[in-house]
Amino acid sequence: MLKMTGLNEIAKKLDDLAKKAGEIDGKHNVPMNELLTPEFVSVHTRFANADEMFDESGYKIETQEDFSSIPEEKWDDFIRSISSFSDWNAMLSKAGEAWATKKLGF
């Protein structure tokens, strides 16, 4: 009798991947600390984590309102000065890709 455990294992992994993909499909409100992980920030900036990056920005950022009050152009300038990203949205987009990749188990 021929036992095909390899194919069963592949099918299970594909099912798991499809389930995970379904869970992240669509729009999500991902907390900033899940997007700007220490791993992501340390790879893309000179900072060890997002708190260090925010502290270095020169802006007092303790609440969402504090962050929202920063002029977008000034924040984009800061992001350009500390990373290879062209602006904040580009950084968040890349962080979102990293978040999704991690959720998919890659």
PDB file of N, CA and C in Angstrom:
ATOM      1  N   MET A   1       0.845  -1.183   0.000  1.00  0.00           N
ATOM      2  CA  MET A   1       0.000   0.000   0.000  1.00  0.00           C
ATOM      3  C   MET A   1       0.887   1.242   0.000  1.00  0.00           C
ATOM      4  N   LEU A   2       0.578   2.162  -0.857  1.00  0.00           N
ATOM      5  CA  LEU A   2       1.352   3.394  -1.001  1.00  0.00           C
ATOM      6  C   LEU A   2       0.780   4.466  -0.088  1.00  0.00           C
ATOM      7  N   LYS A   3       1.645   5.027   0.754  1.00  0.00           N
ATOM      8  CA  LYS A   3       1.206   6.068   1.679  1.00  0.00           C
ATOM      9  C   LYS A   3       1.765   7.403   1.205  1.00  0.00           C
ATOM     10  N   MET A   4       0.898   8.361   0.950  1.00  0.00           N
ATOM     11  CA  MET A   4       1.315   9.643   0.401  1.00  0.00           C
ATOM     12  C   MET A   4       1.182  10.741   1.456  1.00  0.00           C
ATOM     13  N   THR A   5       2.002  10.661   2.461  1.00  0.00           N
ATOM     14  CA  THR A   5       1.920  11.654   3.532  1.00  0.00           C
ATOM     15  C   THR A   5       2.420  13.017   3.078  1.00  0.00           C
ATOM     16  N   GLY A   6       3.327  13.053   2.140  1.00  0.00           N
ATOM     17  CA  GLY A   6       3.854  14.329   1.652  1.00  0.00           C
ATOM     18  C   GLY A   6       2.769  15.208   1.046  1.00  0.00           C
ATOM     19  N   LEU A   7       1.919  14.615   0.245  1.00  0.00           N
ATOM     20  CA  LEU A   7       0.836  15.379  -0.378  1.00  0.00           C
ATOM     21  C   LEU A   7      -0.175  15.837   0.661  1.00  0.00           C
ATOM     22  N   ASN A   8      -0.455  14.988   1.636  1.00  0.00           N
ATOM     23  CA  ASN A   8      -1.380  15.384   2.702  1.00  0.00           C
ATOM     24  C   ASN A   8      -0.822  16.570   3.488  1.00  0.00           C
ATOM     25  N   GLU A   9       0.471  16.538   3.742  1.00  0.00           N
ATOM     26  CA  GLU A   9       1.109  17.634   4.473  1.00  0.00           C
ATOM     27  C   GLU A   9       1.062  18.931   3.672  1.00  0.00           C
ATOM     28  N   ILE A  10       1.308  18.829   2.368  1.00  0.00           N
ATOM     29  CA  ILE A  10       1.240  20.011   1.508  1.00  0.00           C
ATOM     30  C   ILE A  10      -0.186  20.559   1.482  1.00  0.00           C
ATOM     31  N   ALA A  11      -1.165  19.692   1.362  1.00  0.00           N
ATOM     32  CA  ALA A  11      -2.567  20.117   1.333  1.00  0.00           C
ATOM     33  C   ALA A  11      -2.942  20.822   2.633  1.00  0.00           C
ATOM     34  N   LYS A  12      -2.471  20.296   3.766  1.00  0.00           N
ATOM     35  CA  LYS A  12      -2.758  20.917   5.056  1.00  0.00           C
ATOM     36  C   LYS A  12      -2.119  22.306   5.134  1.00  0.00           C
ATOM     37  N   LYS A  13      -0.874  22.414   4.674  1.00  0.00           N
ATOM     38  CA  LYS A  13      -0.197  23.706   4.703  1.00  0.00           C
ATOM     39  C   LYS A  13      -0.905  24.715   3.798  1.00  0.00           C
ATOM     40  N   LEU A  14      -1.367  24.262   2.636  1.00  0.00           N
ATOM     41  CA  LEU A  14      -2.103  25.154   1.738  1.00  0.00           C
ATOM     42  C   LEU A  14      -3.425  25.593   2.361  1.00  0.00           C
ATOM     43  N   ASP A  15      -4.097  24.670   3.048  1.00  0.00           N
ATOM     44  CA  ASP A  15      -5.342  25.018   3.736  1.00  0.00           C
ATOM     45  C   ASP A  15      -5.079  26.052   4.835  1.00  0.00           C
ATOM     46  N   ASP A  16      -3.999  25.845   5.594  1.00  0.00           N
ATOM     47  CA  ASP A  16      -3.633  26.799   6.650  1.00  0.00           C
ATOM     48  C   ASP A  16      -3.327  28.175   6.056  1.00  0.00           C
ATOM     49  N   LEU A  17      -2.594  28.195   4.953  1.00  0.00           N
ATOM     50  CA  LEU A  17      -2.254  29.454   4.295  1.00  0.00           C
ATOM     51  C   LEU A  17      -3.515  30.155   3.797  1.00  0.00           C
ATOM     52  N   ALA A  18      -4.435  29.408   3.208  1.00  0.00           N
ATOM     53  CA  ALA A  18      -5.689  29.991   2.723  1.00  0.00           C
ATOM     54  C   ALA A  18      -6.494  30.575   3.881  1.00  0.00           C
ATOM     55  N   LYS A  19      -6.517  29.876   4.997  1.00  0.00           N
ATOM     56  CA  LYS A  19      -7.236  30.377   6.173  1.00  0.00           C
ATOM     57  C   LYS A  19      -6.613  31.683   6.665  1.00  0.00           C
ATOM     58  N   LYS A  20      -5.286  31.716   6.773  1.00  0.00           N
ATOM     59  CA  LYS A  20      -4.598  32.925   7.229  1.00  0.00           C
ATOM     60  C   LYS A  20      -4.814  34.082   6.262  1.00  0.00           C
ATOM     61  N   ALA A  21      -4.779  33.781   4.974  1.00  0.00           N
ATOM     62  CA  ALA A  21      -5.007  34.819   3.968  1.00  0.00           C
ATOM     63  C   ALA A  21      -6.413  35.392   4.098  1.00  0.00           C
ATOM     64  N   GLY A  22      -7.389  34.530   4.363  1.00  0.00           N
ATOM     65  CA  GLY A  22      -8.756  34.993   4.566  1.00  0.00           C
ATOM     66  C   GLY A  22      -8.882  35.895   5.777  1.00  0.00           C
ATOM     67  N   GLU A  23      -8.105  35.602   6.815  1.00  0.00           N
ATOM     68  CA  GLU A  23      -8.153  36.407   8.039  1.00  0.00           C
ATOM     69  C   GLU A  23      -7.596  37.813   7.840  1.00  0.00           C
ATOM     70  N   ILE A  24      -6.647  37.972   6.918  1.00  0.00           N
ATOM     71  CA  ILE A  24      -6.069  39.308   6.725  1.00  0.00           C
ATOM     72  C   ILE A  24      -6.615  40.017   5.488  1.00  0.00           C
ATOM     73  N   ASP A  25      -7.540  39.372   4.782  1.00  0.00           N
ATOM     74  CA  ASP A  25      -8.133  39.989   3.604  1.00  0.00           C
ATOM     75  C   ASP A  25      -8.950  41.209   4.007  1.00  0.00           C
ATOM     76  N   GLY A  26      -8.902  42.244   3.199  1.00  0.00           N
ATOM     77  CA  GLY A  26      -9.687  43.452   3.459  1.00  0.00           C
ATOM     78  C   GLY A  26      -8.917  44.478   4.257  1.00  0.00           C
ATOM     79  N   LYS A  27      -9.641  45.447   4.781  1.00  0.00           N
ATOM     80  CA  LYS A  27      -9.020  46.529   5.546  1.00  0.00           C
ATOM     81  C   LYS A  27      -8.926  46.145   7.009  1.00  0.00           C
ATOM     82  N   HIS A  28      -7.848  46.609   7.640  1.00  0.00           N
ATOM     83  CA  HIS A  28      -7.629  46.333   9.054  1.00  0.00           C
ATOM     84  C   HIS A  28      -7.122  47.588   9.745  1.00  0.00           C
ATOM     85  N   ASN A  29      -7.513  47.760  10.974  1.00  0.00           N
ATOM     86  CA  ASN A  29      -6.945  48.794  11.827  1.00  0.00           C
ATOM     87  C   ASN A  29      -5.893  48.107  12.689  1.00  0.00           C
ATOM     88  N   VAL A  30      -4.658  48.191  12.232  1.00  0.00           N
ATOM     89  CA  VAL A  30      -3.560  47.520  12.920  1.00  0.00           C
ATOM     90  C   VAL A  30      -2.913  48.517  13.869  1.00  0.00           C
ATOM     91  N   PRO A  31      -2.782  48.155  15.137  1.00  0.00           N
ATOM     92  CA  PRO A  31      -2.130  49.061  16.089  1.00  0.00           C
ATOM     93  C   PRO A  31      -0.709  49.400  15.637  1.00  0.00           C
ATOM     94  N   MET A  32      -0.302  50.626  15.905  1.00  0.00           N
ATOM     95  CA  MET A  32       1.010  51.112  15.491  1.00  0.00           C
ATOM     96  C   MET A  32       2.133  50.200  15.998  1.00  0.00           C
ATOM     97  N   ASN A  33       1.986  49.676  17.225  1.00  0.00           N
ATOM     98  CA  ASN A  33       3.052  48.827  17.763  1.00  0.00           C
ATOM     99  C   ASN A  33       3.147  47.483  17.049  1.00  0.00           C
ATOM    100  N   GLU A  34       2.097  47.068  16.341  1.00  0.00           N
ATOM    101  CA  GLU A  34       2.170  45.855  15.539  1.00  0.00           C
ATOM    102  C   GLU A  34       2.771  46.128  14.161  1.00  0.00           C
ATOM    103  N   LEU A  35       2.634  47.357  13.688  1.00  0.00           N
ATOM    104  CA  LEU A  35       3.231  47.733  12.404  1.00  0.00           C
ATOM    105  C   LEU A  35       4.701  48.095  12.562  1.00  0.00           C
ATOM    106  N   LEU A  36       4.964  49.001  13.497  1.00  0.00           N
ATOM    107  CA  LEU A  36       6.325  49.490  13.687  1.00  0.00           C
ATOM    108  C   LEU A  36       7.012  48.695  14.788  1.00  0.00           C
ATOM    109  N   THR A  37       7.219  47.423  14.509  1.00  0.00           N
ATOM    110  CA  THR A  37       7.868  46.544  15.478  1.00  0.00           C
ATOM    111  C   THR A  37       9.336  46.945  15.622  1.00  0.00           C
ATOM    112  N   PRO A  38       9.957  46.567  16.718  1.00  0.00           N
ATOM    113  CA  PRO A  38      11.391  46.847  16.855  1.00  0.00           C
ATOM    114  C   PRO A  38      12.196  46.279  15.679  1.00  0.00           C
ATOM    115  N   GLU A  39      11.826  45.112  15.194  1.00  0.00           N
ATOM    116  CA  GLU A  39      12.533  44.512  14.052  1.00  0.00           C
ATOM    117  C   GLU A  39      12.426  45.405  12.825  1.00  0.00           C
ATOM    118  N   PHE A  40      11.209  45.867  12.526  1.00  0.00           N
ATOM    119  CA  PHE A  40      11.006  46.710  11.351  1.00  0.00           C
ATOM    120  C   PHE A  40      11.760  48.027  11.492  1.00  0.00           C
ATOM    121  N   VAL A  41      11.599  48.689  12.635  1.00  0.00           N
ATOM    122  CA  VAL A  41      12.229  49.996  12.837  1.00  0.00           C
ATOM    123  C   VAL A  41      13.747  49.882  12.792  1.00  0.00           C
ATOM    124  N   SER A  42      14.303  48.856  13.420  1.00  0.00           N
ATOM    125  CA  SER A  42      15.764  48.735  13.454  1.00  0.00           C
ATOM    126  C   SER A  42      16.363  48.415  12.082  1.00  0.00           C
ATOM    127  N   VAL A  43      15.599  47.746  11.235  1.00  0.00           N
ATOM    128  CA  VAL A  43      16.079  47.460   9.882  1.00  0.00           C
ATOM    129  C   VAL A  43      16.005  48.696   8.995  1.00  0.00           C
ATOM    130  N   HIS A  44      14.969  49.505   9.170  1.00  0.00           N
ATOM    131  CA  HIS A  44      14.718  50.605   8.237  1.00  0.00           C
ATOM    132  C   HIS A  44      15.136  51.992   8.736  1.00  0.00           C
ATOM    133  N   THR A  45      15.565  52.074   9.982  1.00  0.00           N
ATOM    134  CA  THR A  45      16.027  53.354  10.529  1.00  0.00           C
ATOM    135  C   THR A  45      17.255  53.096  11.393  1.00  0.00           C
ATOM    136  N   ARG A  46      17.782  54.142  11.992  1.00  0.00           N
ATOM    137  CA  ARG A  46      18.917  53.979  12.907  1.00  0.00           C
ATOM    138  C   ARG A  46      18.458  53.762  14.354  1.00  0.00           C
ATOM    139  N   PHE A  47      17.174  53.602  14.550  1.00  0.00           N
ATOM    140  CA  PHE A  47      16.599  53.469  15.889  1.00  0.00           C
ATOM    141  C   PHE A  47      16.290  52.002  16.209  1.00  0.00           C
ATOM    142  N   ALA A  48      16.299  51.689  17.499  1.00  0.00           N
ATOM    143  CA  ALA A  48      16.023  50.323  17.943  1.00  0.00           C
ATOM    144  C   ALA A  48      14.525  50.029  17.988  1.00  0.00           C
ATOM    145  N   ASN A  49      13.708  51.081  18.108  1.00  0.00           N
ATOM    146  CA  ASN A  49      12.259  50.877  18.190  1.00  0.00           C
ATOM    147  C   ASN A  49      11.536  52.179  17.857  1.00  0.00           C
ATOM    148  N   ALA A  50      10.223  52.100  17.758  1.00  0.00           N
ATOM    149  CA  ALA A  50       9.414  53.259  17.373  1.00  0.00           C
ATOM    150  C   ALA A  50       9.466  54.355  18.430  1.00  0.00           C
ATOM    151  N   ASP A  51       9.516  53.992  19.703  1.00  0.00           N
ATOM    152  CA  ASP A  51       9.582  55.010  20.758  1.00  0.00           C
ATOM    153  C   ASP A  51      10.818  55.883  20.601  1.00  0.00           C
ATOM    154  N   GLU A  52      11.967  55.262  20.316  1.00  0.00           N
ATOM    155  CA  GLU A  52      13.187  56.037  20.090  1.00  0.00           C
ATOM    156  C   GLU A  52      13.024  56.956  18.886  1.00  0.00           C
ATOM    157  N   MET A  53      12.418  56.428  17.840  1.00  0.00           N
ATOM    158  CA  MET A  53      12.207  57.223  16.626  1.00  0.00           C
ATOM    159  C   MET A  53      11.314  58.423  16.927  1.00  0.00           C
ATOM    160  N   PHE A  54      10.204  58.183  17.627  1.00  0.00           N
ATOM    161  CA  PHE A  54       9.290  59.277  17.955  1.00  0.00           C
ATOM    162  C   PHE A  54       9.966  60.296  18.869  1.00  0.00           C
ATOM    163  N   ASP A  55      10.741  59.827  19.849  1.00  0.00           N
ATOM    164  CA  ASP A  55      11.443  60.733  20.760  1.00  0.00           C
ATOM    165  C   ASP A  55      12.424  61.624  20.007  1.00  0.00           C
ATOM    166  N   GLU A  56      13.106  61.058  19.028  1.00  0.00           N
ATOM    167  CA  GLU A  56      14.111  61.796  18.256  1.00  0.00           C
ATOM    168  C   GLU A  56      13.482  62.801  17.290  1.00  0.00           C
ATOM    169  N   SER A  57      12.204  62.646  17.013  1.00  0.00           N
ATOM    170  CA  SER A  57      11.546  63.487  16.013  1.00  0.00           C
ATOM    171  C   SER A  57      11.478  64.959  16.406  1.00  0.00           C
ATOM    172  N   GLY A  58      11.590  65.235  17.694  1.00  0.00           N
ATOM    173  CA  GLY A  58      11.462  66.614  18.144  1.00  0.00           C
ATOM    174  C   GLY A  58      10.028  67.007  18.466  1.00  0.00           C
ATOM    175  N   TYR A  59       9.107  66.091  18.269  1.00  0.00           N
ATOM    176  CA  TYR A  59       7.706  66.342  18.581  1.00  0.00           C
ATOM    177  C   TYR A  59       7.306  65.552  19.823  1.00  0.00           C
ATOM    178  N   LYS A  60       6.425  66.140  20.609  1.00  0.00           N
ATOM    179  CA  LYS A  60       5.868  65.437  21.762  1.00  0.00           C
ATOM    180  C   LYS A  60       4.747  64.547  21.241  1.00  0.00           C
ATOM    181  N   ILE A  61       4.965  63.235  21.305  1.00  0.00           N
ATOM    182  CA  ILE A  61       3.984  62.284  20.787  1.00  0.00           C
ATOM    183  C   ILE A  61       3.619  61.326  21.908  1.00  0.00           C
ATOM    184  N   GLU A  62       2.540  61.654  22.583  1.00  0.00           N
ATOM    185  CA  GLU A  62       2.050  60.790  23.659  1.00  0.00           C
ATOM    186  C   GLU A  62       0.650  60.262  23.365  1.00  0.00           C
ATOM    187  N   THR A  63      -0.057  60.933  22.467  1.00  0.00           N
ATOM    188  CA  THR A  63      -1.422  60.528  22.126  1.00  0.00           C
ATOM    189  C   THR A  63      -1.609  60.595  20.610  1.00  0.00           C
ATOM    190  N   GLN A  64      -2.707  60.032  20.139  1.00  0.00           N
ATOM    191  CA  GLN A  64      -3.027  60.128  18.713  1.00  0.00           C
ATOM    192  C   GLN A  64      -3.232  61.590  18.308  1.00  0.00           C
ATOM    193  N   GLU A  65      -3.786  62.378  19.207  1.00  0.00           N
ATOM    194  CA  GLU A  65      -3.995  63.798  18.920  1.00  0.00           C
ATOM    195  C   GLU A  65      -2.658  64.518  18.738  1.00  0.00           C
ATOM    196  N   ASP A  66      -1.681  64.180  19.591  1.00  0.00           N
ATOM    197  CA  ASP A  66      -0.338  64.758  19.436  1.00  0.00           C
ATOM    198  C   ASP A  66       0.204  64.440  18.053  1.00  0.00           C
ATOM    199  N   PHE A  67       0.086  63.189  17.668  1.00  0.00           N
ATOM    200  CA  PHE A  67       0.608  62.760  16.372  1.00  0.00           C
ATOM    201  C   PHE A  67      -0.134  63.455  15.237  1.00  0.00           C
ATOM    202  N   SER A  68      -1.440  63.543  15.354  1.00  0.00           N
ATOM    203  CA  SER A  68      -2.260  64.165  14.304  1.00  0.00           C
ATOM    204  C   SER A  68      -1.968  65.647  14.134  1.00  0.00           C
ATOM    205  N   SER A  69      -1.455  66.291  15.180  1.00  0.00           N
ATOM    206  CA  SER A  69      -1.190  67.729  15.091  1.00  0.00           C
ATOM    207  C   SER A  69       0.130  68.062  14.394  1.00  0.00           C
ATOM    208  N   ILE A  70       0.943  67.065  14.114  1.00  0.00           N
ATOM    209  CA  ILE A  70       2.220  67.301  13.425  1.00  0.00           C
ATOM    210  C   ILE A  70       1.933  67.588  11.956  1.00  0.00           C
ATOM    211  N   PRO A  71       2.480  68.669  11.424  1.00  0.00           N
ATOM    212  CA  PRO A  71       2.278  68.941   9.994  1.00  0.00           C
ATOM    213  C   PRO A  71       2.817  67.786   9.138  1.00  0.00           C
ATOM    214  N   GLU A  72       2.004  67.324   8.234  1.00  0.00           N
ATOM    215  CA  GLU A  72       2.355  66.153   7.420  1.00  0.00           C
ATOM    216  C   GLU A  72       3.682  66.339   6.691  1.00  0.00           C
ATOM    217  N   GLU A  73       3.883  67.525   6.124  1.00  0.00           N
ATOM    218  CA  GLU A  73       5.118  67.789   5.380  1.00  0.00           C
ATOM    219  C   GLU A  73       6.353  67.691   6.284  1.00  0.00           C
ATOM    220  N   LYS A  74       6.230  68.199   7.503  1.00  0.00           N
ATOM    221  CA  LYS A  74       7.348  68.143   8.463  1.00  0.00           C
ATOM    222  C   LYS A  74       7.621  66.695   8.860  1.00  0.00           C
ATOM    223  N   TRP A  75       6.566  65.914   9.075  1.00  0.00           N
ATOM    224  CA  TRP A  75       6.754  64.512   9.452  1.00  0.00           C
ATOM    225  C   TRP A  75       7.381  63.728   8.302  1.00  0.00           C
ATOM    226  N   ASP A  76       6.926  64.001   7.072  1.00  0.00           N
ATOM    227  CA  ASP A  76       7.526  63.338   5.907  1.00  0.00           C
ATOM    228  C   ASP A  76       9.006  63.692   5.790  1.00  0.00           C
ATOM    229  N   ASP A  77       9.349  64.950   6.055  1.00  0.00           N
ATOM    230  CA  ASP A  77      10.761  65.364   6.034  1.00  0.00           C
ATOM    231  C   ASP A  77      11.565  64.568   7.051  1.00  0.00           C
ATOM    232  N   PHE A  78      11.014  64.394   8.247  1.00  0.00           N
ATOM    233  CA  PHE A  78      11.693  63.630   9.283  1.00  0.00           C
ATOM    234  C   PHE A  78      11.890  62.180   8.829  1.00  0.00           C
ATOM    235  N   ILE A  79      10.848  61.570   8.296  1.00  0.00           N
ATOM    236  CA  ILE A  79      10.934  60.175   7.841  1.00  0.00           C
ATOM    237  C   ILE A  79      11.997  60.038   6.760  1.00  0.00           C
ATOM    238  N   ARG A  80      12.050  60.991   5.822  1.00  0.00           N
ATOM    239  CA  ARG A  80      13.084  60.957   4.780  1.00  0.00           C
ATOM    240  C   ARG A  80      14.485  61.067   5.383  1.00  0.00           C
ATOM    241  N   SER A  81      14.611  61.842   6.452  1.00  0.00           N
ATOM    242  CA  SER A  81      15.931  62.070   7.046  1.00  0.00           C
ATOM    243  C   SER A  81      16.454  60.882   7.852  1.00  0.00           C
ATOM    244  N   ILE A  82      15.580  59.989   8.270  1.00  0.00           N
ATOM    245  CA  ILE A  82      16.012  58.875   9.123  1.00  0.00           C
ATOM    246  C   ILE A  82      15.836  57.505   8.467  1.00  0.00           C
ATOM    247  N   SER A  83      15.348  57.489   7.226  1.00  0.00           N
ATOM    248  CA  SER A  83      15.103  56.215   6.553  1.00  0.00           C
ATOM    249  C   SER A  83      15.273  56.382   5.045  1.00  0.00           C
ATOM    250  N   SER A  84      15.076  55.309   4.331  1.00  0.00           N
ATOM    251  CA  SER A  84      15.123  55.372   2.866  1.00  0.00           C
ATOM    252  C   SER A  84      13.736  55.593   2.269  1.00  0.00           C
ATOM    253  N   PHE A  85      12.735  55.763   3.126  1.00  0.00           N
ATOM    254  CA  PHE A  85      11.372  55.955   2.635  1.00  0.00           C
ATOM    255  C   PHE A  85      11.162  57.389   2.178  1.00  0.00           C
ATOM    256  N   SER A  86      10.340  57.556   1.160  1.00  0.00           N
ATOM    257  CA  SER A  86      10.072  58.890   0.610  1.00  0.00           C
ATOM    258  C   SER A  86       9.126  59.693   1.489  1.00  0.00           C
ATOM    259  N   ASP A  87       8.312  59.003   2.287  1.00  0.00           N
ATOM    260  CA  ASP A  87       7.388  59.690   3.186  1.00  0.00           C
ATOM    261  C   ASP A  87       6.794  58.691   4.175  1.00  0.00           C
ATOM    262  N   TRP A  88       5.973  59.200   5.085  1.00  0.00           N
ATOM    263  CA  TRP A  88       5.361  58.388   6.129  1.00  0.00           C
ATOM    264  C   TRP A  88       4.486  57.287   5.540  1.00  0.00           C
ATOM    265  N   ASN A  89       3.706  57.619   4.505  1.00  0.00           N
ATOM    266  CA  ASN A  89       2.824  56.615   3.908  1.00  0.00           C
ATOM    267  C   ASN A  89       3.615  55.465   3.300  1.00  0.00           C
ATOM    268  N   ALA A  90       4.755  55.757   2.700  1.00  0.00           N
ATOM    269  CA  ALA A  90       5.595  54.697   2.144  1.00  0.00           C
ATOM    270  C   ALA A  90       6.116  53.800   3.265  1.00  0.00           C
ATOM    271  N   MET A  91       6.493  54.394   4.387  1.00  0.00           N
ATOM    272  CA  MET A  91       6.964  53.615   5.526  1.00  0.00           C
ATOM    273  C   MET A  91       5.846  52.727   6.063  1.00  0.00           C
ATOM    274  N   LEU A  92       4.662  53.301   6.237  1.00  0.00           N
ATOM    275  CA  LEU A  92       3.531  52.520   6.739  1.00  0.00           C
ATOM    276  C   LEU A  92       3.139  51.408   5.772  1.00  0.00           C
ATOM    277  N   SER A  93       3.217  51.678   4.488  1.00  0.00           N
ATOM    278  CA  SER A  93       2.890  50.666   3.488  1.00  0.00           C
ATOM    279  C   SER A  93       3.841  49.474   3.605  1.00  0.00           C
ATOM    280  N   LYS A  94       5.127  49.753   3.711  1.00  0.00           N
ATOM    281  CA  LYS A  94       6.120  48.685   3.852  1.00  0.00           C
ATOM    282  C   LYS A  94       5.917  47.938   5.175  1.00  0.00           C
ATOM    283  N   ALA A  95       5.591  48.674   6.236  1.00  0.00           N
ATOM    284  CA  ALA A  95       5.324  48.043   7.527  1.00  0.00           C
ATOM    285  C   ALA A  95       4.084  47.154   7.428  1.00  0.00           C
ATOM    286  N   GLY A  96       3.092  47.585   6.669  1.00  0.00           N
ATOM    287  CA  GLY A  96       1.890  46.776   6.453  1.00  0.00           C
ATOM    288  C   GLY A  96       2.204  45.488   5.705  1.00  0.00           C
ATOM    289  N   GLU A  97       3.086  45.582   4.721  1.00  0.00           N
ATOM    290  CA  GLU A  97       3.513  44.382   3.998  1.00  0.00           C
ATOM    291  C   GLU A  97       4.205  43.407   4.950  1.00  0.00           C
ATOM    292  N   ALA A  98       5.068  43.941   5.802  1.00  0.00           N
ATOM    293  CA  ALA A  98       5.783  43.093   6.768  1.00  0.00           C
ATOM    294  C   ALA A  98       4.796  42.447   7.741  1.00  0.00           C
ATOM    295  N   TRP A  99       3.800  43.215   8.185  1.00  0.00           N
ATOM    296  CA  TRP A  99       2.769  42.689   9.091  1.00  0.00           C
ATOM    297  C   TRP A  99       2.015  41.536   8.430  1.00  0.00           C
ATOM    298  N   ALA A 100       1.597  41.748   7.172  1.00  0.00           N
ATOM    299  CA  ALA A 100       0.837  40.718   6.461  1.00  0.00           C
ATOM    300  C   ALA A 100       1.686  39.465   6.226  1.00  0.00           C
ATOM    301  N   THR A 101       2.934  39.659   5.865  1.00  0.00           N
ATOM    302  CA  THR A 101       3.834  38.527   5.645  1.00  0.00           C
ATOM    303  C   THR A 101       3.986  37.707   6.918  1.00  0.00           C
ATOM    304  N   LYS A 102       4.119  38.399   8.047  1.00  0.00           N
ATOM    305  CA  LYS A 102       4.248  37.701   9.343  1.00  0.00           C
ATOM    306  C   LYS A 102       2.959  36.957   9.667  1.00  0.00           C
ATOM    307  N   LYS A 103       1.815  37.584   9.421  1.00  0.00           N
ATOM    308  CA  LYS A 103       0.524  36.933   9.698  1.00  0.00           C
ATOM    309  C   LYS A 103       0.327  35.692   8.847  1.00  0.00           C
ATOM    310  N   LEU A 104       0.891  35.705   7.639  1.00  0.00           N
ATOM    311  CA  LEU A 104       0.778  34.545   6.760  1.00  0.00           C
ATOM    312  C   LEU A 104       1.759  33.432   7.147  1.00  0.00           C
ATOM    313  N   GLY A 105       2.673  33.747   8.041  1.00  0.00           N
ATOM    314  CA  GLY A 105       3.597  32.729   8.526  1.00  0.00           C
ATOM    315  C   GLY A 105       4.873  32.606   7.729  1.00  0.00           C
ATOM    316  N   PHE A 106       5.208  33.626   6.962  1.00  0.00           N
ATOM    317  CA  PHE A 106       6.451  33.591   6.171  1.00  0.00           C
ATOM    318  C   PHE A 106       7.584  34.227   6.922  1.00  0.00           C
TER     319      PHE A 106
END
